[in-house]
């Protein structure tokens, strides 16, 4: 346990030092996007991600932290019962280790998101055969990881638009599946870069 804590602290220190060092050319950024997702059913949702460059090279490694949320409002049914007024939701918090390739206005990001998949289902369980209704709530949490690819087009120095895709490499009972969407990225330039741009 002590060794794990030391490794986490070393990674945090490396991240902070690398971020400070990288502010000359590469800057932290914030992404927002809308997506469709799912495996057996179609879900709609969005995501947010904070990216940190780990070097000042043109092509560089990145570290990111993201939260994906998507929803399905279609009632589920079983042979004897069904859910009405239900919400089927997935929350997927991840840490993303990636590599960014940069070519003038085009940026290609390859990442390995590692995190959790939280499935939450809420609604009213109805069984007409025996005549009852009751509130239903279920929550399950699973380990989640996969591959992500995000090509972006740089509109200017601080704004980009692009696509987001995620391919899970593990199957779980909640069917937290494929994700694809569109995204907008805001890059935060440091004061030195802002002064140089004015």
N, C-alpha and C. Protein backbone atom coordinates (compact mmCIF):
# COMPACT_ATOMS: atom_id res chain seq x y z
N UNK A 1 0.82 -1.19 0.00
CA UNK A 1 0.00 0.00 0.00
C UNK A 1 0.87 1.27 0.00
N UNK A 2 1.93 1.24 0.81
CA UNK A 2 2.85 2.37 0.90
C UNK A 2 3.49 2.65 -0.47
N UNK A 3 3.84 1.58 -1.19
CA UNK A 3 4.46 1.72 -2.51
C UNK A 3 3.48 2.35 -3.51
N UNK A 4 2.21 1.97 -3.43
CA UNK A 4 1.19 2.53 -4.32
C UNK A 4 1.03 4.02 -4.06
N UNK A 5 0.99 4.42 -2.77
CA UNK A 5 0.86 5.83 -2.42
C UNK A 5 2.06 6.63 -2.92
N UNK A 6 3.25 6.06 -2.79
CA UNK A 6 4.46 6.76 -3.28
C UNK A 6 4.39 6.94 -4.80
N UNK A 7 3.92 5.93 -5.51
CA UNK A 7 3.83 6.04 -6.98
C UNK A 7 2.81 7.10 -7.39
N UNK A 8 1.68 7.15 -6.69
CA UNK A 8 0.66 8.15 -7.00
C UNK A 8 1.21 9.56 -6.74
N UNK A 9 1.92 9.73 -5.62
CA UNK A 9 2.50 11.03 -5.31
C UNK A 9 3.55 11.43 -6.34
N UNK A 10 4.36 10.47 -6.79
CA UNK A 10 5.37 10.75 -7.81
C UNK A 10 4.71 11.15 -9.12
N UNK A 11 3.61 10.48 -9.49
CA UNK A 11 2.88 10.81 -10.73
C UNK A 11 2.30 12.21 -10.63
N UNK A 12 1.72 12.57 -9.47
CA UNK A 12 1.16 13.91 -9.29
C UNK A 12 2.25 14.98 -9.40
N UNK A 13 3.39 14.74 -8.78
CA UNK A 13 4.51 15.68 -8.84
C UNK A 13 5.01 15.84 -10.28
N UNK A 14 5.14 14.72 -10.98
CA UNK A 14 5.56 14.75 -12.38
C UNK A 14 4.57 15.54 -13.22
N UNK A 15 3.29 15.36 -12.97
CA UNK A 15 2.25 16.08 -13.71
C UNK A 15 2.35 17.58 -13.50
N UNK A 16 2.49 17.99 -12.24
CA UNK A 16 2.58 19.42 -11.93
C UNK A 16 3.83 20.04 -12.56
N UNK A 17 4.98 19.39 -12.40
CA UNK A 17 6.23 19.91 -12.97
C UNK A 17 6.15 19.97 -14.49
N UNK A 18 5.63 18.91 -15.10
CA UNK A 18 5.50 18.87 -16.56
C UNK A 18 4.55 19.93 -17.06
N UNK A 19 3.47 20.16 -16.31
CA UNK A 19 2.51 21.18 -16.72
C UNK A 19 3.14 22.57 -16.68
N UNK A 20 3.86 22.86 -15.61
CA UNK A 20 4.53 24.17 -15.52
C UNK A 20 5.56 24.33 -16.63
N UNK A 21 6.30 23.27 -16.90
CA UNK A 21 7.33 23.30 -17.93
C UNK A 21 6.73 23.45 -19.32
N UNK A 22 5.56 22.88 -19.51
CA UNK A 22 4.97 22.84 -20.84
C UNK A 22 4.23 24.12 -21.22
N UNK A 23 4.07 25.07 -20.28
CA UNK A 23 3.26 26.24 -20.56
C UNK A 23 3.84 27.14 -21.65
N UNK A 24 5.08 26.93 -22.06
CA UNK A 24 5.67 27.77 -23.11
C UNK A 24 4.99 27.58 -24.46
N UNK A 25 4.65 26.35 -24.81
CA UNK A 25 4.05 26.10 -26.13
C UNK A 25 2.73 25.36 -26.05
N UNK A 26 2.60 24.41 -25.16
CA UNK A 26 1.36 23.64 -25.02
C UNK A 26 0.67 24.05 -23.74
N UNK A 27 -0.64 24.20 -23.81
CA UNK A 27 -1.39 24.68 -22.66
C UNK A 27 -2.52 23.72 -22.31
N UNK A 28 -2.98 23.82 -21.07
CA UNK A 28 -4.11 23.02 -20.63
C UNK A 28 -5.35 23.42 -21.42
N UNK A 29 -6.28 22.48 -21.54
CA UNK A 29 -7.50 22.77 -22.28
C UNK A 29 -8.70 22.10 -21.63
N UNK A 30 -9.86 22.63 -21.96
CA UNK A 30 -11.12 22.11 -21.46
C UNK A 30 -11.99 21.74 -22.64
N UNK A 31 -12.54 20.52 -22.64
CA UNK A 31 -13.40 20.04 -23.73
C UNK A 31 -14.82 19.84 -23.24
N UNK A 32 -15.77 20.12 -24.13
CA UNK A 32 -17.17 19.79 -23.91
C UNK A 32 -17.70 19.16 -25.18
N UNK A 33 -18.57 18.18 -25.04
CA UNK A 33 -19.09 17.55 -26.24
C UNK A 33 -20.46 16.93 -26.01
N UNK A 34 -21.15 16.68 -27.12
CA UNK A 34 -22.43 15.96 -27.12
C UNK A 34 -22.19 14.64 -27.81
N UNK A 35 -22.81 13.57 -27.31
CA UNK A 35 -22.54 12.25 -27.89
C UNK A 35 -23.76 11.35 -27.87
N UNK A 36 -23.67 10.33 -28.70
CA UNK A 36 -24.59 9.19 -28.63
C UNK A 36 -23.75 8.00 -28.22
N UNK A 37 -24.35 7.08 -27.50
CA UNK A 37 -23.59 5.97 -26.95
C UNK A 37 -24.49 4.76 -26.79
N UNK A 38 -23.87 3.65 -26.42
CA UNK A 38 -24.63 2.46 -26.11
C UNK A 38 -24.15 1.25 -26.85
N UNK A 39 -24.78 0.16 -26.53
CA UNK A 39 -24.46 -1.13 -27.14
C UNK A 39 -25.75 -1.78 -27.60
N UNK A 40 -26.59 -2.16 -26.65
CA UNK A 40 -27.88 -2.77 -26.98
C UNK A 40 -28.96 -1.73 -27.24
N UNK A 41 -28.82 -0.55 -26.61
CA UNK A 41 -29.78 0.53 -26.78
C UNK A 41 -29.02 1.81 -27.07
N UNK A 42 -29.73 2.81 -27.63
CA UNK A 42 -29.11 4.08 -27.96
C UNK A 42 -29.32 5.08 -26.82
N UNK A 43 -28.24 5.69 -26.38
CA UNK A 43 -28.27 6.67 -25.31
C UNK A 43 -27.80 8.01 -25.85
N UNK A 44 -28.23 9.08 -25.18
CA UNK A 44 -27.82 10.43 -25.55
C UNK A 44 -27.21 11.10 -24.33
N UNK A 45 -26.14 11.87 -24.56
CA UNK A 45 -25.52 12.51 -23.41
C UNK A 45 -24.44 13.49 -23.79
N UNK A 46 -23.51 13.70 -22.87
CA UNK A 46 -22.44 14.64 -23.08
C UNK A 46 -21.24 14.29 -22.22
N UNK A 47 -20.17 15.05 -22.43
CA UNK A 47 -18.97 14.80 -21.64
C UNK A 47 -18.17 16.08 -21.47
N UNK A 48 -17.34 16.10 -20.46
CA UNK A 48 -16.41 17.18 -20.22
C UNK A 48 -15.06 16.59 -19.87
N UNK A 49 -13.99 17.25 -20.31
CA UNK A 49 -12.66 16.71 -20.06
C UNK A 49 -11.66 17.85 -19.88
N UNK A 50 -10.75 17.68 -18.91
CA UNK A 50 -9.67 18.62 -18.68
C UNK A 50 -8.37 17.95 -19.10
N UNK A 51 -7.64 18.56 -20.05
CA UNK A 51 -6.41 17.99 -20.59
C UNK A 51 -5.19 18.77 -20.13
N UNK A 52 -4.13 18.05 -19.80
CA UNK A 52 -2.86 18.65 -19.38
C UNK A 52 -1.75 18.13 -20.28
N UNK A 53 -1.02 19.00 -20.99
CA UNK A 53 0.12 18.53 -21.79
C UNK A 53 1.28 18.15 -20.87
N UNK A 54 2.00 17.10 -21.21
CA UNK A 54 3.10 16.64 -20.36
C UNK A 54 4.48 17.01 -20.90
N UNK A 55 4.54 17.75 -22.00
CA UNK A 55 5.82 18.27 -22.49
C UNK A 55 5.54 19.46 -23.39
N UNK A 56 6.60 20.15 -23.81
CA UNK A 56 6.42 21.28 -24.72
C UNK A 56 6.77 20.91 -26.16
N UNK A 57 6.92 19.63 -26.44
CA UNK A 57 7.19 19.19 -27.81
C UNK A 57 5.96 19.40 -28.68
N UNK A 58 6.18 19.49 -29.99
CA UNK A 58 5.07 19.63 -30.92
C UNK A 58 4.11 18.44 -30.80
N UNK A 59 4.64 17.24 -30.81
CA UNK A 59 3.87 16.03 -30.55
C UNK A 59 4.19 15.62 -29.12
N UNK A 60 3.16 15.45 -28.29
CA UNK A 60 3.44 15.27 -26.86
C UNK A 60 2.42 14.34 -26.18
N UNK A 61 2.82 13.83 -25.03
CA UNK A 61 1.93 13.03 -24.20
C UNK A 61 1.01 13.96 -23.42
N UNK A 62 -0.18 13.45 -23.08
CA UNK A 62 -1.15 14.24 -22.34
C UNK A 62 -1.73 13.41 -21.19
N UNK A 63 -2.24 14.12 -20.22
CA UNK A 63 -2.98 13.50 -19.12
C UNK A 63 -4.30 14.24 -19.03
N UNK A 64 -5.40 13.50 -18.97
CA UNK A 64 -6.71 14.13 -18.91
C UNK A 64 -7.60 13.48 -17.88
N UNK A 65 -8.61 14.23 -17.45
CA UNK A 65 -9.61 13.73 -16.51
C UNK A 65 -10.98 14.06 -17.09
N UNK A 66 -11.83 13.05 -17.24
CA UNK A 66 -13.10 13.30 -17.90
C UNK A 66 -14.28 12.69 -17.14
N UNK A 67 -15.46 13.22 -17.45
CA UNK A 67 -16.71 12.66 -16.95
C UNK A 67 -17.68 12.57 -18.12
N UNK A 68 -18.14 11.37 -18.40
CA UNK A 68 -19.13 11.13 -19.45
C UNK A 68 -20.45 10.79 -18.77
N UNK A 69 -21.54 11.35 -19.26
CA UNK A 69 -22.87 11.02 -18.75
C UNK A 69 -23.81 10.84 -19.93
N UNK A 70 -24.52 9.70 -19.98
CA UNK A 70 -25.53 9.54 -21.00
C UNK A 70 -26.75 8.82 -20.46
N UNK A 71 -27.89 9.04 -21.15
CA UNK A 71 -29.19 8.65 -20.62
C UNK A 71 -30.04 7.94 -21.67
N UNK A 72 -30.93 7.08 -21.18
CA UNK A 72 -31.94 6.41 -22.00
C UNK A 72 -33.26 6.52 -21.25
N UNK A 73 -34.29 7.09 -21.90
CA UNK A 73 -35.58 7.28 -21.25
C UNK A 73 -36.62 6.27 -21.73
N UNK A 74 -36.19 5.26 -22.44
CA UNK A 74 -37.11 4.24 -22.95
C UNK A 74 -37.34 3.19 -21.87
N UNK A 75 -38.59 2.90 -21.58
CA UNK A 75 -38.93 1.93 -20.54
C UNK A 75 -38.43 0.53 -20.85
N UNK A 76 -37.91 -0.15 -19.85
CA UNK A 76 -37.44 -1.52 -20.01
C UNK A 76 -38.55 -2.49 -19.59
N UNK A 77 -38.56 -3.66 -20.21
CA UNK A 77 -39.61 -4.63 -19.87
C UNK A 77 -39.03 -6.02 -19.73
N UNK A 78 -39.66 -6.79 -18.86
CA UNK A 78 -39.37 -8.20 -18.63
C UNK A 78 -40.65 -8.97 -18.92
N UNK A 79 -40.57 -10.30 -19.00
CA UNK A 79 -41.79 -11.07 -19.29
C UNK A 79 -42.94 -10.80 -18.31
N UNK A 80 -42.62 -10.58 -17.04
CA UNK A 80 -43.67 -10.42 -16.05
C UNK A 80 -43.88 -8.97 -15.61
N UNK A 81 -42.93 -8.07 -15.92
CA UNK A 81 -43.04 -6.70 -15.42
C UNK A 81 -42.35 -5.73 -16.36
N UNK A 82 -42.61 -4.45 -16.15
CA UNK A 82 -41.93 -3.42 -16.94
C UNK A 82 -41.73 -2.18 -16.08
N UNK A 83 -40.80 -1.33 -16.53
CA UNK A 83 -40.54 -0.06 -15.85
C UNK A 83 -41.23 1.07 -16.60
N UNK A 84 -41.85 1.97 -15.87
CA UNK A 84 -42.42 3.17 -16.49
C UNK A 84 -41.82 4.40 -15.83
N UNK A 85 -41.84 5.52 -16.54
CA UNK A 85 -41.25 6.77 -16.07
C UNK A 85 -39.82 6.56 -15.58
N UNK A 86 -39.07 5.75 -16.32
CA UNK A 86 -37.73 5.40 -15.84
C UNK A 86 -36.65 6.24 -16.51
N UNK A 87 -35.53 6.32 -15.81
CA UNK A 87 -34.32 6.94 -16.33
C UNK A 87 -33.20 5.92 -16.18
N UNK A 88 -32.55 5.61 -17.27
CA UNK A 88 -31.41 4.69 -17.27
C UNK A 88 -30.18 5.54 -17.59
N UNK A 89 -29.27 5.66 -16.63
CA UNK A 89 -28.16 6.60 -16.77
C UNK A 89 -26.82 5.89 -16.59
N UNK A 90 -25.81 6.37 -17.33
CA UNK A 90 -24.43 5.91 -17.15
C UNK A 90 -23.55 7.12 -16.82
N UNK A 91 -22.75 6.97 -15.78
CA UNK A 91 -21.73 7.96 -15.44
C UNK A 91 -20.38 7.26 -15.54
N UNK A 92 -19.46 7.84 -16.31
CA UNK A 92 -18.17 7.19 -16.54
C UNK A 92 -17.04 8.19 -16.27
N UNK A 93 -16.54 8.25 -15.03
CA UNK A 93 -15.38 9.09 -14.75
C UNK A 93 -14.10 8.34 -15.11
N UNK A 94 -13.17 9.01 -15.79
CA UNK A 94 -11.93 8.35 -16.21
C UNK A 94 -10.73 9.27 -16.08
N UNK A 95 -9.55 8.65 -15.99
CA UNK A 95 -8.28 9.33 -16.20
C UNK A 95 -7.78 8.87 -17.57
N UNK A 96 -7.31 9.81 -18.37
CA UNK A 96 -6.95 9.51 -19.76
C UNK A 96 -5.47 9.78 -20.00
N UNK A 97 -4.76 8.73 -20.40
CA UNK A 97 -3.36 8.87 -20.78
C UNK A 97 -3.32 8.86 -22.30
N UNK A 98 -2.69 9.87 -22.91
CA UNK A 98 -2.76 9.95 -24.36
C UNK A 98 -1.54 10.53 -25.02
N UNK A 99 -1.63 10.60 -26.35
CA UNK A 99 -0.57 11.18 -27.17
C UNK A 99 -1.23 12.07 -28.21
N UNK A 100 -0.69 13.28 -28.37
CA UNK A 100 -1.26 14.26 -29.28
C UNK A 100 -0.31 14.55 -30.44
N UNK A 101 -0.80 14.36 -31.66
CA UNK A 101 -0.05 14.70 -32.87
C UNK A 101 -0.60 16.01 -33.42
N UNK A 102 0.28 16.97 -33.72
CA UNK A 102 -0.14 18.30 -34.15
C UNK A 102 0.45 18.67 -35.50
N UNK A 103 -0.44 19.03 -36.46
CA UNK A 103 -0.04 19.42 -37.81
C UNK A 103 -0.78 20.70 -38.18
N UNK A 104 -0.14 21.85 -38.07
CA UNK A 104 -0.74 23.15 -38.38
C UNK A 104 -2.11 23.26 -37.70
N UNK A 105 -3.21 23.12 -38.46
CA UNK A 105 -4.55 23.27 -37.86
C UNK A 105 -5.18 21.95 -37.45
N UNK A 106 -4.54 20.85 -37.72
CA UNK A 106 -5.09 19.52 -37.39
C UNK A 106 -4.39 18.95 -36.17
N UNK A 107 -5.18 18.42 -35.26
CA UNK A 107 -4.64 17.75 -34.07
C UNK A 107 -5.30 16.37 -33.96
N UNK A 108 -4.49 15.34 -33.80
CA UNK A 108 -4.99 13.97 -33.64
C UNK A 108 -4.62 13.48 -32.24
N UNK A 109 -5.63 13.11 -31.47
CA UNK A 109 -5.41 12.66 -30.10
C UNK A 109 -5.78 11.19 -29.95
N UNK A 110 -4.85 10.42 -29.43
CA UNK A 110 -5.07 9.00 -29.13
C UNK A 110 -4.96 8.83 -27.62
N UNK A 111 -5.96 8.20 -27.00
CA UNK A 111 -5.97 8.09 -25.55
C UNK A 111 -6.40 6.70 -25.07
N UNK A 112 -6.01 6.41 -23.85
CA UNK A 112 -6.47 5.20 -23.16
C UNK A 112 -7.18 5.67 -21.89
N UNK A 113 -8.53 5.79 -21.93
CA UNK A 113 -9.27 6.17 -20.73
C UNK A 113 -9.41 4.97 -19.79
N UNK A 114 -9.12 5.18 -18.52
CA UNK A 114 -9.25 4.14 -17.50
C UNK A 114 -10.07 4.70 -16.35
N UNK A 115 -11.15 4.00 -15.98
CA UNK A 115 -11.98 4.52 -14.91
C UNK A 115 -13.08 3.57 -14.50
N UNK A 116 -14.24 4.14 -14.20
CA UNK A 116 -15.38 3.38 -13.71
C UNK A 116 -16.58 3.59 -14.62
N UNK A 117 -17.49 2.63 -14.61
CA UNK A 117 -18.77 2.75 -15.28
C UNK A 117 -19.85 2.56 -14.22
N UNK A 118 -20.59 3.65 -13.95
CA UNK A 118 -21.66 3.57 -12.94
C UNK A 118 -23.00 3.59 -13.65
N UNK A 119 -23.77 2.53 -13.47
CA UNK A 119 -25.09 2.41 -14.08
C UNK A 119 -26.16 2.65 -13.02
N UNK A 120 -27.04 3.60 -13.30
CA UNK A 120 -28.11 3.93 -12.35
C UNK A 120 -29.44 3.86 -13.10
N UNK A 121 -30.36 3.07 -12.58
CA UNK A 121 -31.70 2.94 -13.17
C UNK A 121 -32.73 3.27 -12.11
N UNK A 122 -33.65 4.18 -12.46
CA UNK A 122 -34.70 4.62 -11.56
C UNK A 122 -36.02 4.60 -12.29
N UNK A 123 -37.08 4.23 -11.60
CA UNK A 123 -38.39 4.26 -12.23
C UNK A 123 -39.44 3.61 -11.35
N UNK A 124 -40.56 3.25 -11.98
CA UNK A 124 -41.65 2.55 -11.29
C UNK A 124 -41.80 1.17 -11.91
N UNK A 125 -41.65 0.15 -11.08
CA UNK A 125 -41.79 -1.23 -11.54
C UNK A 125 -43.26 -1.63 -11.49
N UNK A 126 -43.78 -2.09 -12.62
CA UNK A 126 -45.20 -2.43 -12.73
C UNK A 126 -45.34 -3.89 -13.15
N UNK A 127 -46.18 -4.62 -12.44
CA UNK A 127 -46.54 -5.99 -12.82
C UNK A 127 -48.06 -6.06 -12.86
N UNK A 128 -48.60 -5.98 -14.07
CA UNK A 128 -50.06 -5.95 -14.21
C UNK A 128 -50.70 -7.30 -13.91
N UNK A 129 -49.95 -8.38 -14.07
CA UNK A 129 -50.50 -9.72 -13.85
C UNK A 129 -50.93 -9.92 -12.41
N UNK A 130 -50.09 -9.45 -11.46
CA UNK A 130 -50.47 -9.59 -10.05
C UNK A 130 -50.92 -8.27 -9.46
N UNK A 131 -50.88 -7.21 -10.28
CA UNK A 131 -51.44 -5.92 -9.90
C UNK A 131 -50.69 -5.15 -8.84
N UNK A 132 -49.44 -4.82 -9.10
CA UNK A 132 -48.72 -3.96 -8.15
C UNK A 132 -47.80 -3.00 -8.89
N UNK A 133 -47.51 -1.90 -8.18
CA UNK A 133 -46.54 -0.90 -8.62
C UNK A 133 -45.67 -0.54 -7.44
N UNK A 134 -44.37 -0.40 -7.69
CA UNK A 134 -43.48 0.05 -6.61
C UNK A 134 -42.31 0.79 -7.22
N UNK A 135 -41.71 1.67 -6.41
CA UNK A 135 -40.52 2.40 -6.86
C UNK A 135 -39.36 1.44 -7.03
N UNK A 136 -38.58 1.69 -8.08
CA UNK A 136 -37.44 0.81 -8.38
C UNK A 136 -36.18 1.67 -8.50
N UNK A 137 -35.09 1.19 -7.90
CA UNK A 137 -33.80 1.87 -8.00
C UNK A 137 -32.70 0.81 -8.00
N UNK A 138 -31.78 0.92 -8.94
CA UNK A 138 -30.66 -0.03 -9.00
C UNK A 138 -29.40 0.73 -9.40
N UNK A 139 -28.28 0.39 -8.74
CA UNK A 139 -27.00 1.02 -9.06
C UNK A 139 -25.92 -0.04 -9.07
N UNK A 140 -25.11 -0.04 -10.13
CA UNK A 140 -23.99 -0.98 -10.25
C UNK A 140 -22.77 -0.22 -10.71
N UNK A 141 -21.58 -0.65 -10.24
CA UNK A 141 -20.33 0.01 -10.60
C UNK A 141 -19.34 -1.03 -11.11
N UNK A 142 -18.72 -0.73 -12.25
CA UNK A 142 -17.77 -1.65 -12.86
C UNK A 142 -16.52 -0.90 -13.28
N UNK A 143 -15.41 -1.62 -13.40
CA UNK A 143 -14.16 -1.10 -13.94
C UNK A 143 -14.35 -0.91 -15.44
N UNK A 144 -13.79 0.16 -16.00
CA UNK A 144 -14.01 0.47 -17.41
C UNK A 144 -12.72 1.00 -18.04
N UNK A 145 -12.39 0.52 -19.22
CA UNK A 145 -11.26 1.08 -19.97
C UNK A 145 -11.45 0.82 -21.44
N UNK A 146 -10.67 1.51 -22.27
CA UNK A 146 -10.81 1.34 -23.72
C UNK A 146 -9.83 2.21 -24.47
N UNK A 147 -10.18 2.50 -25.74
CA UNK A 147 -9.36 3.34 -26.61
C UNK A 147 -10.20 4.50 -27.11
N UNK A 148 -9.58 5.68 -27.18
CA UNK A 148 -10.29 6.86 -27.64
C UNK A 148 -9.49 7.54 -28.75
N UNK A 149 -10.20 8.05 -29.76
CA UNK A 149 -9.58 8.78 -30.86
C UNK A 149 -10.36 10.07 -31.07
N UNK A 150 -9.65 11.21 -31.10
CA UNK A 150 -10.31 12.51 -31.25
C UNK A 150 -9.55 13.41 -32.22
N UNK A 151 -9.97 13.46 -33.49
CA UNK A 151 -9.38 14.43 -34.41
C UNK A 151 -10.01 15.81 -34.19
N UNK A 152 -9.18 16.87 -34.27
CA UNK A 152 -9.67 18.23 -34.04
C UNK A 152 -9.17 19.17 -35.13
N UNK A 153 -9.97 20.20 -35.38
CA UNK A 153 -9.58 21.26 -36.31
C UNK A 153 -9.46 22.55 -35.51
N UNK A 154 -8.29 23.19 -35.55
CA UNK A 154 -8.05 24.41 -34.78
C UNK A 154 -8.64 25.62 -35.51
N UNK A 155 -9.66 26.22 -34.91
CA UNK A 155 -10.27 27.41 -35.48
C UNK A 155 -9.36 28.62 -35.30
N UNK A 156 -8.72 28.70 -34.14
CA UNK A 156 -7.75 29.74 -33.83
C UNK A 156 -6.86 29.21 -32.71
N UNK A 157 -6.10 30.12 -32.10
CA UNK A 157 -5.13 29.68 -31.10
C UNK A 157 -5.75 29.02 -29.88
N UNK A 158 -6.99 29.40 -29.55
CA UNK A 158 -7.58 28.90 -28.31
C UNK A 158 -8.86 28.10 -28.48
N UNK A 159 -9.34 27.90 -29.72
CA UNK A 159 -10.59 27.16 -29.92
C UNK A 159 -10.44 26.11 -31.02
N UNK A 160 -11.01 24.94 -30.76
CA UNK A 160 -11.00 23.85 -31.74
C UNK A 160 -12.35 23.15 -31.74
N UNK A 161 -12.68 22.55 -32.87
CA UNK A 161 -13.86 21.68 -32.94
C UNK A 161 -13.38 20.33 -33.44
N UNK A 162 -14.13 19.29 -33.14
CA UNK A 162 -13.69 17.98 -33.59
C UNK A 162 -14.68 16.88 -33.28
N UNK A 163 -14.21 15.67 -33.43
CA UNK A 163 -15.01 14.48 -33.17
C UNK A 163 -14.42 13.75 -31.97
N UNK A 164 -15.27 13.01 -31.30
CA UNK A 164 -14.85 12.21 -30.15
C UNK A 164 -15.37 10.79 -30.34
N UNK A 165 -14.51 9.80 -30.10
CA UNK A 165 -14.96 8.41 -30.18
C UNK A 165 -14.29 7.59 -29.10
N UNK A 166 -15.01 6.59 -28.62
CA UNK A 166 -14.51 5.71 -27.57
C UNK A 166 -14.94 4.28 -27.87
N UNK A 167 -13.98 3.38 -27.83
CA UNK A 167 -14.24 1.95 -28.04
C UNK A 167 -13.89 1.22 -26.74
N UNK A 168 -14.88 0.66 -26.03
CA UNK A 168 -14.57 -0.06 -24.79
C UNK A 168 -13.87 -1.38 -25.10
N UNK A 169 -12.92 -1.74 -24.26
CA UNK A 169 -12.20 -3.00 -24.42
C UNK A 169 -12.63 -4.03 -23.37
N UNK A 170 -13.69 -3.72 -22.65
CA UNK A 170 -14.20 -4.63 -21.63
C UNK A 170 -15.73 -4.58 -21.68
N UNK A 171 -16.37 -5.71 -21.50
CA UNK A 171 -17.82 -5.77 -21.47
C UNK A 171 -18.28 -5.91 -20.03
N UNK A 172 -19.32 -5.17 -19.68
CA UNK A 172 -19.89 -5.32 -18.34
C UNK A 172 -21.40 -5.50 -18.46
N UNK A 173 -22.03 -5.83 -17.36
CA UNK A 173 -23.46 -6.12 -17.37
C UNK A 173 -24.30 -4.90 -17.71
N UNK A 174 -23.74 -3.71 -17.53
CA UNK A 174 -24.50 -2.49 -17.80
C UNK A 174 -24.44 -2.09 -19.27
N UNK A 175 -23.64 -2.80 -20.06
CA UNK A 175 -23.50 -2.50 -21.49
C UNK A 175 -23.11 -1.05 -21.73
N UNK A 176 -22.12 -0.57 -20.99
CA UNK A 176 -21.58 0.78 -21.22
C UNK A 176 -20.72 0.69 -22.48
N UNK A 177 -21.32 1.04 -23.60
CA UNK A 177 -20.72 0.70 -24.88
C UNK A 177 -20.04 1.83 -25.61
N UNK A 178 -20.07 1.74 -26.93
CA UNK A 178 -19.39 2.67 -27.82
C UNK A 178 -19.93 4.08 -27.63
N UNK A 179 -19.05 5.06 -27.86
CA UNK A 179 -19.45 6.46 -27.77
C UNK A 179 -18.90 7.20 -28.98
N UNK A 180 -19.71 8.07 -29.56
CA UNK A 180 -19.24 8.93 -30.65
C UNK A 180 -19.97 10.26 -30.55
N UNK A 181 -19.25 11.34 -30.81
CA UNK A 181 -19.88 12.65 -30.69
C UNK A 181 -19.06 13.76 -31.30
N UNK A 182 -19.54 14.98 -31.09
CA UNK A 182 -18.84 16.17 -31.55
C UNK A 182 -18.40 16.95 -30.32
N UNK A 183 -17.29 17.69 -30.43
CA UNK A 183 -16.78 18.39 -29.25
C UNK A 183 -16.16 19.73 -29.62
N UNK A 184 -16.11 20.58 -28.61
CA UNK A 184 -15.47 21.89 -28.70
C UNK A 184 -14.41 21.96 -27.62
N UNK A 185 -13.24 22.48 -27.95
CA UNK A 185 -12.12 22.58 -27.02
C UNK A 185 -11.70 24.03 -26.84
N UNK A 186 -11.55 24.43 -25.58
CA UNK A 186 -11.04 25.76 -25.25
C UNK A 186 -9.67 25.58 -24.61
N UNK A 187 -8.62 26.16 -25.23
CA UNK A 187 -7.26 26.08 -24.71
C UNK A 187 -6.95 27.34 -23.91
N UNK A 188 -6.37 27.15 -22.73
CA UNK A 188 -6.05 28.27 -21.86
C UNK A 188 -4.59 28.69 -22.08
N UNK A 189 -4.38 29.84 -22.72
CA UNK A 189 -3.02 30.34 -22.94
C UNK A 189 -2.54 31.03 -21.67
N UNK A 190 -1.25 30.85 -21.36
CA UNK A 190 -0.71 31.53 -20.17
C UNK A 190 -0.46 33.00 -20.47
N UNK A 191 -0.10 33.76 -19.45
CA UNK A 191 0.06 35.21 -19.61
C UNK A 191 1.16 35.57 -20.60
N UNK A 192 2.24 34.78 -20.60
CA UNK A 192 3.35 35.07 -21.51
C UNK A 192 2.90 34.93 -22.95
N UNK A 193 2.11 33.89 -23.23
CA UNK A 193 1.61 33.69 -24.58
C UNK A 193 0.62 34.76 -24.98
N UNK A 194 -0.22 35.20 -24.02
CA UNK A 194 -1.18 36.26 -24.33
C UNK A 194 -0.46 37.55 -24.67
N UNK A 195 0.59 37.86 -23.89
CA UNK A 195 1.36 39.09 -24.14
C UNK A 195 2.03 39.04 -25.50
N UNK A 196 2.55 37.86 -25.85
CA UNK A 196 3.23 37.70 -27.15
C UNK A 196 2.23 37.83 -28.29
N UNK A 197 0.98 37.44 -28.04
CA UNK A 197 -0.02 37.50 -29.11
C UNK A 197 -0.57 38.88 -29.32
N UNK A 198 -0.43 39.80 -28.31
CA UNK A 198 -0.98 41.14 -28.44
C UNK A 198 -0.06 42.07 -29.21
